[in-house]
N, C-alpha and C. Protein backbone atom coordinates (compact mmCIF):
# COMPACT_ATOMS: atom_id res chain seq x y z
N MET A 1 -59.83 92.27 60.44
CA MET A 1 -59.14 92.03 61.69
C MET A 1 -60.11 91.33 62.64
N ASN A 2 -59.65 90.26 63.24
CA ASN A 2 -60.41 89.50 64.21
C ASN A 2 -60.26 90.17 65.58
N ARG A 3 -61.37 90.44 66.27
CA ARG A 3 -61.33 91.10 67.58
C ARG A 3 -62.33 90.43 68.50
N ARG A 4 -61.90 90.19 69.75
CA ARG A 4 -62.82 89.60 70.72
C ARG A 4 -62.45 90.04 72.13
N SER A 5 -63.38 89.84 73.04
CA SER A 5 -63.17 90.17 74.45
C SER A 5 -62.75 88.92 75.20
N GLU A 6 -61.84 89.10 76.13
CA GLU A 6 -61.34 88.05 77.00
C GLU A 6 -61.19 88.63 78.39
N SER A 7 -60.65 87.87 79.30
CA SER A 7 -60.28 88.41 80.60
C SER A 7 -59.01 87.70 81.07
N ILE A 8 -58.25 88.40 81.89
CA ILE A 8 -57.04 87.84 82.47
C ILE A 8 -57.03 88.14 83.96
N THR A 9 -56.21 87.43 84.68
CA THR A 9 -55.95 87.73 86.07
C THR A 9 -54.51 88.20 86.18
N ALA A 10 -54.34 89.38 86.76
CA ALA A 10 -53.01 89.96 86.94
C ALA A 10 -53.00 90.72 88.26
N ALA A 11 -51.94 90.58 89.01
CA ALA A 11 -51.78 91.26 90.30
C ALA A 11 -52.98 91.00 91.20
N GLY A 12 -53.51 89.78 91.14
CA GLY A 12 -54.60 89.39 92.04
C GLY A 12 -55.97 89.91 91.67
N LYS A 13 -56.14 90.47 90.46
CA LYS A 13 -57.44 90.99 90.04
C LYS A 13 -57.74 90.53 88.62
N ARG A 14 -59.03 90.47 88.30
CA ARG A 14 -59.45 90.08 86.97
C ARG A 14 -59.75 91.33 86.15
N PHE A 15 -59.25 91.34 84.90
CA PHE A 15 -59.41 92.48 84.02
C PHE A 15 -60.03 92.06 82.70
N ALA A 16 -60.91 92.91 82.17
CA ALA A 16 -61.44 92.73 80.83
C ALA A 16 -60.33 93.11 79.84
N VAL A 17 -60.23 92.34 78.77
CA VAL A 17 -59.15 92.50 77.80
C VAL A 17 -59.73 92.48 76.39
N VAL A 18 -59.12 93.27 75.51
CA VAL A 18 -59.43 93.22 74.08
C VAL A 18 -58.29 92.44 73.43
N LEU A 19 -58.66 91.47 72.62
CA LEU A 19 -57.69 90.63 71.91
C LEU A 19 -57.94 90.83 70.42
N GLU A 20 -56.90 91.25 69.68
CA GLU A 20 -57.05 91.54 68.26
C GLU A 20 -56.00 90.79 67.44
N GLN A 21 -56.47 90.24 66.33
CA GLN A 21 -55.54 89.60 65.41
C GLN A 21 -55.09 90.65 64.39
N ALA A 22 -53.79 90.84 64.29
CA ALA A 22 -53.21 91.78 63.34
C ALA A 22 -52.58 90.97 62.20
N GLU A 23 -52.03 91.65 61.23
CA GLU A 23 -51.41 90.96 60.10
C GLU A 23 -50.24 90.08 60.51
N ASP A 24 -49.51 90.50 61.54
CA ASP A 24 -48.30 89.78 61.92
C ASP A 24 -48.37 89.14 63.29
N GLY A 25 -49.56 88.88 63.81
CA GLY A 25 -49.70 88.23 65.11
C GLY A 25 -50.91 88.73 65.85
N TRP A 26 -50.85 88.65 67.17
CA TRP A 26 -51.97 89.03 68.03
C TRP A 26 -51.55 90.11 69.01
N LEU A 27 -52.47 91.00 69.35
CA LEU A 27 -52.28 92.04 70.36
C LEU A 27 -53.34 91.87 71.42
N ALA A 28 -52.98 92.13 72.66
CA ALA A 28 -53.93 92.09 73.77
C ALA A 28 -53.68 93.30 74.64
N TYR A 29 -54.78 93.94 75.07
CA TYR A 29 -54.63 95.08 75.96
C TYR A 29 -55.85 95.19 76.86
N PRO A 30 -55.63 95.64 78.11
CA PRO A 30 -56.75 95.80 79.03
C PRO A 30 -57.60 96.98 78.59
N GLU A 31 -58.89 96.88 78.86
CA GLU A 31 -59.79 97.96 78.45
C GLU A 31 -59.49 99.26 79.17
N ALA A 32 -58.99 99.19 80.41
CA ALA A 32 -58.73 100.44 81.13
C ALA A 32 -57.84 100.23 82.34
N ILE A 33 -56.55 100.20 82.11
CA ILE A 33 -55.58 100.30 83.20
C ILE A 33 -54.87 101.62 82.95
N ASN A 34 -54.75 102.43 83.98
CA ASN A 34 -54.03 103.69 83.81
C ASN A 34 -52.59 103.38 83.41
N GLY A 35 -52.17 103.93 82.30
CA GLY A 35 -50.86 103.64 81.76
C GLY A 35 -51.03 102.74 80.54
N VAL A 36 -49.96 102.53 79.83
CA VAL A 36 -50.02 101.73 78.61
C VAL A 36 -49.46 100.35 78.89
N VAL A 37 -50.28 99.34 78.67
CA VAL A 37 -49.86 97.96 78.86
C VAL A 37 -50.40 97.17 77.67
N ILE A 38 -49.50 96.54 76.91
CA ILE A 38 -49.90 95.77 75.72
C ILE A 38 -49.15 94.45 75.73
N GLY A 39 -49.84 93.39 75.33
CA GLY A 39 -49.20 92.10 75.14
C GLY A 39 -49.24 91.75 73.67
N GLN A 40 -48.24 91.00 73.21
CA GLN A 40 -48.25 90.57 71.82
C GLN A 40 -47.71 89.17 71.72
N GLY A 41 -48.05 88.49 70.62
CA GLY A 41 -47.56 87.15 70.40
C GLY A 41 -47.98 86.62 69.05
N ASP A 42 -47.41 85.49 68.68
CA ASP A 42 -47.77 84.86 67.41
C ASP A 42 -49.17 84.24 67.48
N THR A 43 -49.60 83.88 68.69
CA THR A 43 -50.93 83.29 68.89
C THR A 43 -51.69 84.13 69.91
N ALA A 44 -53.00 83.92 69.98
CA ALA A 44 -53.81 84.62 70.97
C ALA A 44 -53.36 84.26 72.37
N ALA A 45 -53.06 83.00 72.61
CA ALA A 45 -52.62 82.56 73.94
C ALA A 45 -51.30 83.24 74.34
N GLU A 46 -50.36 83.37 73.39
CA GLU A 46 -49.10 84.04 73.69
C GLU A 46 -49.32 85.51 74.02
N ALA A 47 -50.21 86.17 73.29
CA ALA A 47 -50.49 87.59 73.56
C ALA A 47 -51.12 87.76 74.93
N LEU A 48 -52.04 86.88 75.31
CA LEU A 48 -52.67 86.97 76.63
C LEU A 48 -51.66 86.73 77.74
N GLU A 49 -50.78 85.75 77.56
CA GLU A 49 -49.76 85.48 78.58
C GLU A 49 -48.78 86.65 78.70
N ASP A 50 -48.40 87.24 77.57
CA ASP A 50 -47.52 88.41 77.59
C ASP A 50 -48.20 89.57 78.30
N LEU A 51 -49.49 89.77 78.04
CA LEU A 51 -50.23 90.84 78.71
C LEU A 51 -50.36 90.57 80.20
N ARG A 52 -50.59 89.33 80.58
CA ARG A 52 -50.69 88.98 82.01
C ARG A 52 -49.40 89.34 82.72
N SER A 53 -48.28 88.98 82.13
CA SER A 53 -46.98 89.28 82.73
C SER A 53 -46.73 90.79 82.79
N ALA A 54 -47.00 91.48 81.69
CA ALA A 54 -46.77 92.93 81.64
C ALA A 54 -47.69 93.67 82.61
N SER A 55 -48.94 93.24 82.71
CA SER A 55 -49.89 93.90 83.61
C SER A 55 -49.49 93.70 85.06
N SER A 56 -49.09 92.48 85.41
CA SER A 56 -48.65 92.22 86.79
C SER A 56 -47.45 93.08 87.15
N PHE A 57 -46.47 93.13 86.26
CA PHE A 57 -45.30 93.96 86.50
C PHE A 57 -45.70 95.42 86.65
N HIS A 58 -46.52 95.91 85.73
CA HIS A 58 -46.94 97.32 85.74
C HIS A 58 -47.66 97.68 87.04
N LEU A 59 -48.63 96.86 87.42
CA LEU A 59 -49.40 97.15 88.63
C LEU A 59 -48.56 97.00 89.90
N ASP A 60 -47.71 95.98 89.95
CA ASP A 60 -46.86 95.79 91.12
C ASP A 60 -45.83 96.91 91.25
N THR A 61 -45.33 97.40 90.13
CA THR A 61 -44.28 98.42 90.14
C THR A 61 -44.82 99.82 90.40
N PHE A 62 -45.94 100.15 89.79
CA PHE A 62 -46.44 101.52 89.84
C PHE A 62 -47.63 101.73 90.76
N ALA A 63 -48.15 100.67 91.37
CA ALA A 63 -49.28 100.82 92.30
C ALA A 63 -48.81 101.62 93.50
N PRO A 64 -49.62 102.41 94.16
CA PRO A 64 -51.06 102.57 93.91
C PRO A 64 -51.40 103.62 92.86
N ASP A 65 -50.41 104.28 92.27
CA ASP A 65 -50.70 105.34 91.30
C ASP A 65 -51.36 104.82 90.03
N THR A 66 -51.20 103.55 89.72
CA THR A 66 -51.69 103.00 88.47
C THR A 66 -52.69 101.89 88.75
N GLN A 67 -53.70 102.19 89.47
CA GLN A 67 -54.75 101.22 89.73
C GLN A 67 -55.70 101.16 88.54
N PRO A 68 -56.46 100.09 88.40
CA PRO A 68 -57.39 100.00 87.28
C PRO A 68 -58.33 101.19 87.24
N ALA A 69 -58.61 101.67 86.05
CA ALA A 69 -59.51 102.79 85.88
C ALA A 69 -60.97 102.33 85.82
N PHE A 70 -61.20 101.07 86.03
CA PHE A 70 -62.55 100.53 86.07
C PHE A 70 -62.58 99.48 87.17
N PRO A 71 -63.75 99.15 87.68
CA PRO A 71 -63.79 98.14 88.73
C PRO A 71 -63.29 96.80 88.22
N SER A 72 -62.47 96.15 88.99
CA SER A 72 -62.03 94.81 88.67
C SER A 72 -62.53 93.89 89.77
N GLU A 73 -62.56 92.62 89.49
CA GLU A 73 -63.06 91.65 90.45
C GLU A 73 -61.89 91.02 91.20
N PRO A 74 -61.98 90.90 92.53
CA PRO A 74 -60.91 90.17 93.21
C PRO A 74 -60.93 88.71 92.78
N CYS A 75 -59.77 88.11 92.70
CA CYS A 75 -59.69 86.70 92.34
C CYS A 75 -60.23 85.85 93.49
N PRO A 76 -60.94 84.79 93.16
CA PRO A 76 -61.39 83.90 94.22
C PRO A 76 -60.19 83.15 94.80
N PRO A 77 -60.30 82.72 96.05
CA PRO A 77 -59.18 81.97 96.63
C PRO A 77 -58.99 80.66 95.87
N PRO A 78 -57.77 80.12 95.86
CA PRO A 78 -57.53 78.86 95.15
C PRO A 78 -58.39 77.74 95.75
N ALA A 79 -58.83 76.84 94.89
CA ALA A 79 -59.62 75.69 95.33
C ALA A 79 -58.74 74.75 96.13
N SER A 80 -59.30 74.14 97.14
CA SER A 80 -58.55 73.18 97.93
C SER A 80 -58.27 71.93 97.11
N ALA A 81 -57.12 71.36 97.34
CA ALA A 81 -56.75 70.16 96.56
C ALA A 81 -57.46 68.94 97.02
């Protein structure tokens, strides 16, 4: 099984993510968000995008009870055009 570390931005914060290749696709999950949040897809990019969407929904819906269980970094402001 192929496994690597990545990061995503969800709900305005950056999270460390584990990305694993399984027999039938890819799984992605944050290293420590209170609650269960998993992304999946046929490709690594699809799994990360699914996790980004699921994490944003989870944190927006259940916050503040479900804040990250580890320090996350605030996202930098968008670059000026």
